[in-house]
Amino acid sequence: MSDERLAERIGVFEEYANGGLAIIQGELNAGTRPMDVLLDFCRQGDSHSVEDDDFDEIFGRRRPETRS
């Protein structure tokens, strides 16, 4: 990872993280049980996949291999 774009990458990460946290907070404010909110998000995440090209664009590197 190049240090010259590190600040930009950190900023992008923070924006995505804050956006995700705002979505979670909105669900929690709706009166849903916290564990149900987290489980629903996990289930939704299982139905989506991030392509390697998307991962490269976001993180600037190849996705680590996962163990099966």
N, C-alpha and C. Protein backbone atom coordinates (compact mmCIF):
# COMPACT_ATOMS: atom_id res chain seq x y z
N MET A 1 0.86 -1.17 0.00
CA MET A 1 0.00 0.00 0.00
C MET A 1 0.90 1.23 0.00
N SER A 2 0.62 2.10 -0.91
CA SER A 2 1.42 3.31 -1.05
C SER A 2 1.05 4.33 0.02
N ASP A 3 2.08 4.89 0.65
CA ASP A 3 1.84 5.90 1.69
C ASP A 3 1.30 7.20 1.13
N GLU A 4 1.55 7.46 -0.15
CA GLU A 4 1.12 8.74 -0.71
C GLU A 4 -0.40 8.87 -0.78
N ARG A 5 -1.14 7.76 -0.79
CA ARG A 5 -2.60 7.82 -0.83
C ARG A 5 -3.22 7.27 0.45
N LEU A 6 -2.41 7.07 1.47
CA LEU A 6 -2.91 6.49 2.71
C LEU A 6 -4.00 7.36 3.35
N ALA A 7 -3.79 8.65 3.40
CA ALA A 7 -4.79 9.55 4.01
C ALA A 7 -6.11 9.46 3.27
N GLU A 8 -6.05 9.37 1.94
CA GLU A 8 -7.27 9.25 1.14
C GLU A 8 -7.98 7.93 1.45
N ARG A 9 -7.23 6.85 1.54
CA ARG A 9 -7.82 5.55 1.84
C ARG A 9 -8.45 5.54 3.23
N ILE A 10 -7.79 6.15 4.18
CA ILE A 10 -8.34 6.22 5.53
C ILE A 10 -9.64 7.02 5.52
N GLY A 11 -9.66 8.12 4.78
CA GLY A 11 -10.87 8.93 4.69
C GLY A 11 -12.03 8.16 4.08
N VAL A 12 -11.76 7.41 3.01
CA VAL A 12 -12.80 6.61 2.37
C VAL A 12 -13.31 5.54 3.33
N PHE A 13 -12.38 4.87 4.01
CA PHE A 13 -12.78 3.86 4.99
C PHE A 13 -13.67 4.47 6.07
N GLU A 14 -13.28 5.62 6.60
CA GLU A 14 -14.07 6.28 7.65
C GLU A 14 -15.46 6.63 7.16
N GLU A 15 -15.57 7.10 5.92
CA GLU A 15 -16.88 7.44 5.36
C GLU A 15 -17.77 6.20 5.26
N TYR A 16 -17.23 5.10 4.76
CA TYR A 16 -18.00 3.86 4.66
C TYR A 16 -18.39 3.36 6.05
N ALA A 17 -17.45 3.38 6.98
CA ALA A 17 -17.73 2.91 8.34
C ALA A 17 -18.82 3.76 8.99
N ASN A 18 -18.71 5.07 8.88
CA ASN A 18 -19.72 5.96 9.46
C ASN A 18 -21.08 5.76 8.81
N GLY A 19 -21.08 5.55 7.50
CA GLY A 19 -22.34 5.29 6.81
C GLY A 19 -22.99 4.01 7.30
N GLY A 20 -22.18 2.97 7.45
CA GLY A 20 -22.70 1.70 7.95
C GLY A 20 -23.20 1.81 9.38
N LEU A 21 -22.45 2.53 10.20
CA LEU A 21 -22.88 2.71 11.59
C LEU A 21 -24.19 3.51 11.66
N ALA A 22 -24.36 4.48 10.77
CA ALA A 22 -25.60 5.26 10.74
C ALA A 22 -26.78 4.37 10.37
N ILE A 23 -26.57 3.45 9.44
CA ILE A 23 -27.64 2.52 9.05
C ILE A 23 -28.01 1.62 10.24
N ILE A 24 -27.00 1.09 10.91
CA ILE A 24 -27.25 0.24 12.07
C ILE A 24 -27.97 1.03 13.16
N GLN A 25 -27.52 2.26 13.41
CA GLN A 25 -28.17 3.09 14.44
C GLN A 25 -29.62 3.36 14.09
N GLY A 26 -29.90 3.60 12.82
CA GLY A 26 -31.27 3.81 12.39
C GLY A 26 -32.15 2.60 12.67
N GLU A 27 -31.63 1.41 12.41
CA GLU A 27 -32.39 0.19 12.70
C GLU A 27 -32.61 0.03 14.20
N LEU A 28 -31.58 0.32 14.98
CA LEU A 28 -31.72 0.20 16.43
C LEU A 28 -32.72 1.21 16.97
N ASN A 29 -32.73 2.41 16.40
CA ASN A 29 -33.67 3.45 16.84
C ASN A 29 -35.11 3.10 16.49
N ALA A 30 -35.29 2.20 15.52
CA ALA A 30 -36.64 1.79 15.11
C ALA A 30 -37.27 0.83 16.12
N GLY A 31 -36.53 0.49 17.16
CA GLY A 31 -37.08 -0.36 18.21
C GLY A 31 -36.83 -1.84 17.99
N THR A 32 -36.03 -2.17 17.00
CA THR A 32 -35.70 -3.57 16.75
C THR A 32 -34.68 -4.05 17.77
N ARG A 33 -34.81 -5.30 18.17
CA ARG A 33 -33.84 -5.85 19.13
C ARG A 33 -32.45 -5.85 18.49
N PRO A 34 -31.43 -5.41 19.24
CA PRO A 34 -30.09 -5.29 18.68
C PRO A 34 -29.57 -6.58 18.04
N MET A 35 -29.78 -7.72 18.67
CA MET A 35 -29.28 -8.97 18.11
C MET A 35 -29.98 -9.28 16.78
N ASP A 36 -31.28 -8.98 16.68
CA ASP A 36 -32.00 -9.21 15.43
C ASP A 36 -31.47 -8.33 14.31
N VAL A 37 -31.13 -7.09 14.65
CA VAL A 37 -30.55 -6.18 13.66
C VAL A 37 -29.25 -6.77 13.12
N LEU A 38 -28.37 -7.18 14.00
CA LEU A 38 -27.09 -7.73 13.58
C LEU A 38 -27.25 -9.02 12.78
N LEU A 39 -28.14 -9.89 13.22
CA LEU A 39 -28.37 -11.14 12.49
C LEU A 39 -28.92 -10.87 11.09
N ASP A 40 -29.85 -9.93 10.98
CA ASP A 40 -30.41 -9.59 9.67
C ASP A 40 -29.33 -9.06 8.73
N PHE A 41 -28.45 -8.21 9.25
CA PHE A 41 -27.37 -7.69 8.41
C PHE A 41 -26.41 -8.81 7.99
N CYS A 42 -26.14 -9.74 8.89
CA CYS A 42 -25.27 -10.87 8.55
C CYS A 42 -25.91 -11.73 7.47
N ARG A 43 -27.20 -11.97 7.59
CA ARG A 43 -27.90 -12.76 6.58
C ARG A 43 -27.88 -12.06 5.23
N GLN A 44 -28.08 -10.76 5.23
CA GLN A 44 -28.05 -9.99 3.98
C GLN A 44 -26.65 -10.04 3.37
N GLY A 45 -25.64 -9.96 4.21
CA GLY A 45 -24.27 -9.99 3.73
C GLY A 45 -23.92 -11.31 3.07
N ASP A 46 -24.50 -12.41 3.54
CA ASP A 46 -24.24 -13.71 2.94
C ASP A 46 -24.78 -13.79 1.52
N SER A 47 -25.77 -12.98 1.20
CA SER A 47 -26.38 -13.05 -0.13
C SER A 47 -25.68 -12.13 -1.13
N HIS A 48 -24.71 -11.35 -0.70
CA HIS A 48 -23.96 -10.45 -1.58
C HIS A 48 -22.50 -10.86 -1.61
N SER A 49 -21.87 -10.63 -2.74
CA SER A 49 -20.43 -10.91 -2.78
C SER A 49 -19.72 -9.73 -3.41
N VAL A 50 -18.51 -9.52 -2.96
CA VAL A 50 -17.68 -8.45 -3.51
C VAL A 50 -16.71 -9.10 -4.49
N GLU A 51 -16.72 -8.63 -5.71
CA GLU A 51 -15.81 -9.16 -6.72
C GLU A 51 -14.39 -8.71 -6.40
N ASP A 52 -13.41 -9.49 -6.85
CA ASP A 52 -12.01 -9.15 -6.60
C ASP A 52 -11.65 -7.77 -7.14
N ASP A 53 -12.21 -7.39 -8.30
CA ASP A 53 -11.90 -6.08 -8.86
C ASP A 53 -12.41 -4.97 -7.96
N ASP A 54 -13.60 -5.16 -7.35
CA ASP A 54 -14.14 -4.18 -6.43
C ASP A 54 -13.25 -4.06 -5.20
N PHE A 55 -12.80 -5.20 -4.69
CA PHE A 55 -11.92 -5.22 -3.52
C PHE A 55 -10.63 -4.47 -3.81
N ASP A 56 -10.06 -4.73 -5.00
CA ASP A 56 -8.83 -4.04 -5.40
C ASP A 56 -9.03 -2.53 -5.44
N GLU A 57 -10.16 -2.12 -5.99
CA GLU A 57 -10.43 -0.68 -6.13
C GLU A 57 -10.59 -0.02 -4.77
N ILE A 58 -11.26 -0.70 -3.86
CA ILE A 58 -11.51 -0.13 -2.54
C ILE A 58 -10.24 -0.12 -1.70
N PHE A 59 -9.53 -1.25 -1.67
CA PHE A 59 -8.41 -1.39 -0.75
C PHE A 59 -7.05 -1.25 -1.41
N GLY A 60 -6.99 -1.21 -2.72
CA GLY A 60 -5.72 -1.04 -3.40
C GLY A 60 -4.81 -2.25 -3.35
N ARG A 61 -5.41 -3.43 -3.12
CA ARG A 61 -4.61 -4.65 -3.08
C ARG A 61 -5.53 -5.84 -3.32
N ARG A 62 -4.94 -6.99 -3.53
CA ARG A 62 -5.72 -8.21 -3.74
C ARG A 62 -6.30 -8.70 -2.42
N ARG A 63 -7.47 -9.30 -2.52
CA ARG A 63 -8.12 -9.87 -1.35
C ARG A 63 -7.32 -11.08 -0.88
N PRO A 64 -7.12 -11.22 0.44
CA PRO A 64 -6.41 -12.39 0.93
C PRO A 64 -7.22 -13.66 0.65
N GLU A 65 -6.54 -14.74 0.40
CA GLU A 65 -7.22 -16.02 0.17
C GLU A 65 -7.89 -16.45 1.45
N THR A 66 -9.08 -17.03 1.32
CA THR A 66 -9.80 -17.51 2.50
C THR A 66 -9.61 -19.01 2.60
N ARG A 67 -9.60 -19.49 3.81
CA ARG A 67 -9.48 -20.93 4.03
C ARG A 67 -10.84 -21.57 3.97
N SER A 68 -10.92 -22.73 3.36
CA SER A 68 -12.20 -23.45 3.28
C SER A 68 -12.29 -24.54 4.31
